[in-house]
Amino acid sequence: MKRKQQATTSGEDYLEAILVLQMQKGTVRSVDVARHMEVSKPSVSHAVATLRDGGFLTMDSDYFLHLTDIGREVAEQIYEKHRFFTERLIAAGVDPKTAEADACRIEHVISDESFQKLKKQLM
C-alpha cells in the first residue's frame, strides 16, 4: 500500500501513542499525547504537523487528533509488535520495565517478514 511518506521511528511512536489513547479515552488531544509520552507540547505539535503532512492523521476544529486509515494501519502494526515482544520478553523472565523499553526498540527495526515468521512460529 502506498503512502505519501514513510513514518519515522519517532512518528511511529506518536501514532502508537494516539492509538493507545484512543482505545483508553476515545478522544485524543496533543496534550494527552504529551503526558502519555512524557514529552513537551512543542515536540508533539511538531510531530503532529509532520504526521498530518504525511497523511497519517488529521486534527479537527476542536483540536482532537484522528488517525487516517494509513495512520491507523501503521499504528496497529507497531502496537501489535510492541505487545508481542513485551509479552515474550516478560515470559522469558525479563523485568517488565526493561521488556517494555526493549520491545519499543525492537518493534521499529524488525522487518515485517521476520516478525510474521517469528509470530507464526511462536503462536
Protein backbone atom coordinates (compact mmCIF):
# COMPACT_ATOMS: atom_id res chain seq x y z
CA MET A 1 0.00 0.00 0.00
CA LYS A 2 1.40 3.41 -0.97
CA ARG A 3 1.65 6.25 1.49
CA LYS A 4 2.79 9.81 1.00
CA GLN A 5 5.86 9.13 3.09
CA GLN A 6 7.24 6.56 5.49
CA ALA A 7 6.67 7.33 9.18
CA THR A 8 9.91 7.72 11.11
CA THR A 9 10.61 5.73 14.26
CA SER A 10 9.54 8.75 16.30
CA GLY A 11 6.45 9.17 14.13
CA GLU A 12 5.55 5.53 14.66
CA ASP A 13 5.81 6.07 18.43
CA TYR A 14 3.41 9.02 18.20
CA LEU A 15 0.95 7.05 16.05
CA GLU A 16 1.08 4.16 18.51
CA ALA A 17 0.51 6.53 21.44
CA ILE A 18 -2.50 8.10 19.72
CA LEU A 19 -3.95 4.64 19.03
CA VAL A 20 -3.48 3.54 22.65
CA LEU A 21 -5.01 6.77 23.97
CA GLN A 22 -7.97 6.45 21.59
CA MET A 23 -8.57 2.93 22.90
CA GLN A 24 -8.37 4.18 26.50
CA LYS A 25 -10.14 7.54 26.28
CA GLY A 26 -11.99 7.64 22.98
CA THR A 27 -10.73 11.11 22.05
CA VAL A 28 -7.19 12.44 21.99
CA ARG A 29 -5.63 15.89 22.02
CA SER A 30 -1.98 16.83 21.74
CA VAL A 31 -1.75 17.48 25.48
CA ASP A 32 -2.85 13.87 26.13
CA VAL A 33 -0.07 12.62 23.87
CA ALA A 34 2.49 14.85 25.61
CA ARG A 35 1.51 13.46 29.02
CA HIS A 36 1.41 9.86 27.81
CA MET A 37 4.80 10.01 26.12
CA GLU A 38 6.35 12.35 28.70
CA VAL A 39 7.46 14.84 26.06
CA SER A 40 6.92 18.58 25.65
CA LYS A 41 3.86 20.06 23.97
CA PRO A 42 6.06 21.70 21.29
CA SER A 43 7.52 18.26 20.46
CA VAL A 44 4.00 16.89 20.00
CA SER A 45 3.00 19.91 17.88
CA HIS A 46 5.97 19.33 15.58
CA ALA A 47 5.24 15.59 15.31
CA VAL A 48 1.53 16.21 14.68
CA ALA A 49 2.34 18.67 11.88
CA THR A 50 4.76 16.21 10.28
CA LEU A 51 2.33 13.28 10.57
CA ARG A 52 -0.55 15.40 9.27
CA ASP A 53 1.55 16.47 6.26
CA GLY A 54 2.41 12.80 5.68
CA GLY A 55 -1.24 11.82 5.61
CA PHE A 56 -1.12 9.80 8.84
CA LEU A 57 -3.51 11.89 10.94
CA THR A 58 -5.91 14.81 10.94
CA MET A 59 -6.90 17.38 13.55
CA ASP A 60 -10.46 18.64 13.75
CA SER A 61 -11.66 22.15 14.65
CA ASP A 62 -11.77 21.18 18.35
CA TYR A 63 -8.10 20.06 18.18
CA PHE A 64 -8.88 16.36 18.53
CA LEU A 65 -6.45 14.05 16.71
CA HIS A 66 -7.76 11.37 14.37
CA LEU A 67 -5.72 8.67 12.67
CA THR A 68 -6.27 8.33 8.94
CA ASP A 69 -6.69 4.83 7.51
CA ILE A 70 -2.97 4.61 6.77
CA GLY A 71 -2.09 6.14 10.15
CA ARG A 72 -4.25 3.56 11.92
CA GLU A 73 -2.68 0.76 9.87
CA VAL A 74 0.85 1.83 10.84
CA ALA A 75 -0.15 2.36 14.49
CA GLU A 76 -1.81 -1.07 14.72
CA GLN A 77 1.22 -2.81 13.20
CA ILE A 78 3.59 -1.10 15.64
CA TYR A 79 1.29 -1.76 18.59
CA GLU A 80 0.98 -5.44 17.65
CA LYS A 81 4.77 -5.79 17.53
CA HIS A 82 5.13 -3.91 20.81
CA ARG A 83 2.67 -6.18 22.63
CA PHE A 84 4.16 -9.32 21.06
CA PHE A 85 7.75 -8.54 22.07
CA THR A 86 6.82 -7.19 25.51
CA GLU A 87 4.86 -10.36 26.31
CA ARG A 88 7.59 -12.68 25.01
CA LEU A 89 10.35 -10.89 26.89
CA ILE A 90 8.39 -10.91 30.15
CA ALA A 91 7.62 -14.62 29.65
CA ALA A 92 11.36 -15.20 29.21
CA GLY A 93 11.98 -13.60 32.60
CA VAL A 94 12.91 -10.06 31.61
CA ASP A 95 11.87 -7.33 34.06
CA PRO A 96 8.62 -5.76 32.73
CA LYS A 97 10.07 -2.24 32.58
CA THR A 98 13.10 -3.47 30.62
CA ALA A 99 10.85 -5.62 28.41
CA GLU A 100 8.73 -2.55 27.54
CA ALA A 101 11.81 -0.48 26.66
CA ASP A 102 13.39 -3.27 24.60
CA ALA A 103 10.12 -4.03 22.79
CA CYS A 104 9.85 -0.36 21.86
CA ARG A 105 13.23 -0.56 20.13
CA ILE A 106 12.68 -3.97 18.50
CA GLU A 107 9.29 -3.02 17.03
CA HIS A 108 10.93 -0.40 14.80
CA VAL A 109 13.83 -2.41 13.40
CA ILE A 110 12.43 -5.87 12.73
CA SER A 111 11.31 -6.50 9.15
CA ASP A 112 7.70 -7.44 8.56
CA GLU A 113 8.86 -10.76 7.09
CA SER A 114 10.89 -11.67 10.19
CA PHE A 115 8.10 -10.57 12.52
CA GLN A 116 5.46 -12.63 10.68
CA LYS A 117 7.69 -15.75 10.67
CA LEU A 118 8.54 -15.35 14.35
CA LYS A 119 4.91 -14.74 15.27
CA LYS A 120 3.79 -17.80 13.28
CA GLN A 121 6.41 -19.99 14.95
CA LEU A 122 5.68 -18.79 18.48
CA MET A 123 1.90 -18.52 18.40
